[in-house]
Protein backbone atom coordinates (compact mmCIF):
# COMPACT_ATOMS: atom_id res chain seq x y z
CA MET A 1 132.86 75.01 109.36
CA THR A 2 131.78 71.66 108.32
CA LEU A 3 129.71 70.91 104.81
CA GLY A 4 126.57 72.04 105.19
CA ASP A 5 127.10 74.34 108.13
CA GLU A 6 127.75 77.29 105.54
CA GLU A 7 126.66 80.90 106.49
CA PRO A 8 123.06 81.73 104.21
CA PRO A 9 123.94 84.25 101.62
CA VAL A 10 123.52 88.43 102.57
CA GLU A 11 120.47 89.78 101.27
CA THR A 12 121.60 92.97 99.36
CA GLU A 13 119.31 95.97 98.60
CA LEU A 14 119.21 94.90 95.28
CA ASP A 15 117.65 91.58 96.59
CA LEU A 16 115.15 93.28 99.02
CA ALA A 17 113.98 96.10 96.17
CA ASP A 18 113.40 93.29 93.83
CA ARG A 19 111.45 90.98 96.53
CA TYR A 20 109.02 93.85 97.11
CA SER A 21 108.77 95.34 93.60
CA PRO A 22 105.43 96.36 92.72
CA LEU A 23 103.41 94.75 89.47
CA ILE A 24 101.66 97.43 87.30
CA ARG A 25 98.51 96.28 85.64
CA TYR A 26 98.47 98.23 82.37
CA ASP A 27 95.80 99.35 79.89
CA ASP A 28 95.45 96.87 76.82
CA ASN A 29 95.99 99.64 74.67
CA GLU A 30 98.98 101.09 76.48
CA PRO A 31 102.20 101.91 74.22
CA PHE A 32 104.72 102.50 76.77
CA PHE A 33 106.57 100.81 79.58
CA PRO A 34 109.63 101.32 82.02
CA LEU A 35 113.36 101.69 80.77
CA ARG A 36 114.52 101.99 84.10
CA VAL A 37 113.85 101.70 88.22
CA GLY A 38 115.89 103.62 90.64
CA TYR A 39 115.15 102.29 94.12
CA THR A 40 116.24 103.46 97.67
CA ILE A 41 115.84 101.77 100.65
CA LEU A 42 114.79 104.47 103.42
CA ARG A 43 115.50 103.29 107.09
CA ARG A 44 114.11 106.12 108.98
CA SER A 45 110.80 107.30 109.82
CA GLY A 46 111.10 111.27 108.30
CA GLU A 47 113.82 110.92 105.93
CA ALA A 48 113.84 113.20 102.83
CA SER A 49 113.01 110.78 99.45
CA PRO A 50 116.19 111.50 97.15
CA SER A 51 113.99 111.63 93.92
CA PHE A 52 110.16 113.42 95.19
CA PRO A 53 109.64 116.46 96.85
CA ARG A 54 108.32 114.77 100.20
CA ALA A 55 109.67 113.17 103.26
CA VAL A 56 108.61 109.51 103.72
CA ASN A 57 107.22 108.72 107.34
CA PHE A 58 106.57 105.36 108.67
CA ALA A 59 102.69 104.36 108.34
CA THR A 60 102.91 102.26 110.88
CA PRO A 61 104.43 101.06 114.00
CA GLU A 62 105.27 97.82 112.61
CA THR A 63 107.00 99.40 109.53
CA THR A 64 111.15 99.51 109.60
CA ALA A 65 111.89 100.09 106.22
CA VAL A 66 110.59 102.05 103.01
CA ILE A 67 111.54 101.31 99.54
CA GLU A 68 111.32 103.86 97.18
CA TYR A 69 111.12 102.87 93.25
CA ALA A 70 111.59 105.95 90.95
CA LEU A 71 109.80 104.47 87.67
CA TYR A 72 111.37 106.24 84.46
CA TRP A 73 109.65 105.87 80.78
CA ASP A 74 111.01 107.73 77.58
CA TRP A 75 107.10 108.95 77.29
CA ASP A 76 104.15 110.42 78.81
CA ILE A 77 101.65 110.51 76.23
CA GLN A 78 101.72 113.85 76.53
CA HIS A 79 105.20 115.07 76.85
CA LEU A 80 109.20 113.48 76.64
CA TYR A 81 110.62 112.31 80.48
CA GLU A 82 108.28 110.48 82.62
CA LEU A 83 109.02 109.65 86.24
CA GLU A 84 106.40 108.03 88.58
CA HIS A 85 106.96 106.23 92.25
CA VAL A 86 106.06 103.67 94.87
CA TRP A 87 107.03 103.67 98.34
CA THR A 88 106.41 99.97 99.64
CA HIS A 89 106.41 99.88 103.60
CA VAL A 90 107.80 96.75 105.19
CA GLY A 91 107.80 95.43 108.65
CA ALA A 92 109.97 93.72 110.76
CA GLY A 93 108.49 90.75 109.78
CA GLY A 94 108.95 91.12 106.18
CA GLU A 95 105.35 91.93 105.78
CA VAL A 96 104.20 94.26 103.60
CA THR A 97 102.68 97.10 105.66
CA PHE A 98 101.42 100.34 103.56
CA VAL A 99 102.16 101.14 100.06
CA GLU A 100 102.09 104.77 98.69
CA ALA A 101 102.10 106.21 95.28
CA SER A 102 102.51 109.22 93.46
CA ALA A 103 99.92 110.75 90.62
CA HIS A 104 100.30 113.64 88.55
CA GLY A 105 102.70 115.31 90.57
CA GLY A 106 101.79 114.05 94.16
CA TYR A 107 100.80 111.23 95.79
CA ARG A 108 98.69 109.12 98.05
CA ALA A 109 97.70 105.97 99.79
CA MET A 110 97.06 102.67 98.18
CA TRP A 111 96.72 100.72 100.84
CA PRO A 112 94.96 98.26 101.20
CA VAL A 113 95.94 97.26 97.71
CA GLU A 114 93.27 95.28 95.53
CA GLU A 115 95.64 92.66 95.13
CA MET A 116 99.21 91.29 96.60
CA VAL A 117 101.44 88.81 94.34
CA GLY A 118 103.69 86.45 96.33
CA GLY A 119 102.78 88.25 99.57
CA THR A 120 105.36 90.90 98.97
CA HIS A 121 104.63 92.15 95.33
CA PRO A 122 101.58 95.02 95.75
CA VAL A 123 99.60 95.19 92.53
CA LEU A 124 98.92 99.04 91.08
CA TYR A 125 97.11 100.05 88.19
CA SER A 126 98.33 102.84 85.68
CA GLU A 127 96.31 105.33 84.14
CA PRO A 128 96.57 104.86 80.21
CA GLY A 129 99.43 106.89 78.64
CA LYS A 130 99.71 109.10 81.88
CA HIS A 131 101.14 106.43 84.15
CA ALA A 132 99.53 108.01 87.13
CA PHE A 133 98.98 104.83 90.11
CA SER A 134 95.78 104.12 91.84
CA ARG A 135 94.77 100.75 94.01
CA ASP A 136 92.15 99.68 91.35
CA ALA A 137 90.40 100.36 88.11
CA SER A 138 87.62 102.43 90.27
CA PRO A 139 88.67 105.93 88.46
CA TYR A 140 88.05 104.54 85.19
CA THR A 141 84.49 104.32 85.37
CA PRO A 142 82.36 104.95 82.09
CA GLU A 143 81.41 108.59 83.09
CA HIS A 144 85.05 109.58 83.56
CA GLN A 145 86.18 107.65 80.26
CA ALA A 146 85.95 110.47 78.29
CA ARG A 147 88.66 112.48 79.87
CA TYR A 148 91.21 109.76 80.13
CA THR A 149 90.73 109.25 76.55
CA ALA A 150 91.10 112.71 75.55
CA SER A 151 94.68 112.72 77.35
CA ALA A 152 95.91 109.82 75.31
CA TRP A 153 94.29 111.05 72.19
CA ASP A 154 93.43 114.80 71.73
CA LYS A 155 95.87 116.39 73.76
CA ALA A 156 99.00 113.86 72.37
CA GLY A 157 102.46 115.66 73.02
CA SER A 158 100.81 118.94 73.86
CA MET A 159 103.33 119.29 77.20
CA GLY A 160 106.56 118.76 74.82
CA LEU A 161 109.56 118.11 76.72
CA LEU A 162 108.99 118.27 80.67
CA VAL A 163 111.11 119.29 82.63
CA THR A 164 110.79 118.83 86.37
CA LYS A 165 112.90 120.72 89.40
CA ILE A 166 115.08 117.86 90.53
CA PHE A 167 116.47 117.61 86.69
CA GLU A 168 116.29 121.67 86.37
CA GLY A 169 120.18 122.48 84.89
CA LYS A 170 120.72 118.92 84.27
CA ILE A 171 117.86 118.70 81.11
CA ILE A 172 118.07 122.02 79.23
CA LYS A 173 114.96 122.53 76.69
CA GLN A 174 116.14 123.36 73.52
CA SER A 175 114.65 125.57 70.78
CA GLY A 176 112.30 122.78 68.96
CA ASP A 177 112.17 120.24 71.38
CA ASP A 178 108.24 120.76 72.26
CA ALA A 179 107.43 120.59 68.18
CA LEU A 180 109.61 117.67 67.93
CA VAL A 181 108.13 115.75 71.50
CA GLN A 182 104.38 116.93 69.62
CA ALA A 183 105.26 115.84 65.91
CA HIS A 184 106.13 111.99 67.62
CA LEU A 185 103.91 111.84 69.81
CA LYS A 186 100.84 112.63 68.01
CA LYS A 187 101.43 109.32 65.90
CA CYS A 188 101.71 107.69 69.44
CA ALA A 189 98.23 109.06 70.22
CA PHE A 190 95.92 106.14 70.99
CA LYS A 191 92.41 105.32 72.35
CA PRO A 192 92.82 103.58 75.79
CA ALA A 193 90.53 99.75 75.97
CA PHE A 194 89.92 100.52 79.84
CA ILE A 195 90.55 96.90 80.32
CA PHE A 196 93.97 96.64 82.50
CA GLU A 197 94.32 92.46 81.76
CA ARG A 198 98.17 93.44 81.05
CA ARG A 199 100.12 92.60 84.22
CA GLU A 200 104.01 93.23 83.97
CA PRO A 201 106.17 92.56 86.85
CA ILE A 202 109.31 95.00 87.33
CA ALA A 203 112.12 92.90 85.71
CA ARG A 204 115.10 92.89 88.54
CA GLU A 205 117.49 93.73 85.28
CA LEU A 206 115.41 97.41 85.10
CA LEU A 207 116.53 97.76 88.77
CA SER A 208 119.35 100.06 89.74
CA PRO A 209 120.25 102.13 92.47
CA TRP A 210 118.64 105.88 92.11
CA PRO A 211 121.91 107.70 92.30
CA GLU A 212 122.99 105.40 88.93
CA VAL A 213 119.44 106.24 87.59
CA PHE A 214 119.50 109.66 88.43
CA GLU A 215 122.82 110.27 86.28
CA TRP A 216 121.91 108.37 83.50
CA ILE A 217 118.27 110.02 82.88
CA PRO A 218 119.67 113.37 81.31
CA ARG A 219 121.69 111.17 79.01
CA ARG A 220 119.23 109.28 78.07
CA VAL A 221 116.61 112.27 76.96
CA GLN A 222 119.32 114.26 75.10
CA ALA A 223 119.49 110.39 73.10
CA VAL A 224 115.75 110.70 72.36
CA ARG A 225 115.77 114.04 71.39
CA ASP A 226 119.38 113.28 68.95
CA GLU A 227 116.85 110.48 67.63
CA LEU A 228 114.00 112.57 66.90
CA SER A 229 115.90 115.03 65.61
CA ALA A 230 118.13 112.75 63.14
CA ALA A 231 114.63 111.26 61.86
CA ARG A 232 112.86 114.72 60.63
């Protein structure tokens, strides 16, 4: 092999996850942002998600892979432990063919997205404090803003420590956890601005394979509980 004939570098799964990661628009008063993002590359239509109760079907004939992003926050304004999801569908030519995302335990199509950065980074909107995704700001019309304000202000901390099915037996709720969480989140209560000028990419250093994040989350939740307890 002569100089200049080197093989191009092989794209890793991390490279792929980084290239198609979503960019998130947050409310200008949003206090919480993801700490880690677990990724999974799904290459067969109908494959079960490892981190969400669904099968992931390819949305179009052109789709050859779906990149699943599981975004972890310490805090939803109403509870400790928050996991939301984005599924970016990718075609054989490298184009984004479809986008889905989670909201309040379910999921829905985000396609067509309102905005795409660099041709590969779909832009989504995050519900203030709660982080449920939408494709644009249409849910936040003036007639609906009181409901979102109540979630972030009056109901702050109301759900305590959340334990979803995937972490049953791994995150064990203890006596007093809900009270600790509620006391902390009452201090974090805020009133959304309903202005979404803050656009945050998912930094490459936040990305890890989902199995690593899955093992890390219970340890992280315990560390937060210990910190809250020590500060009491």
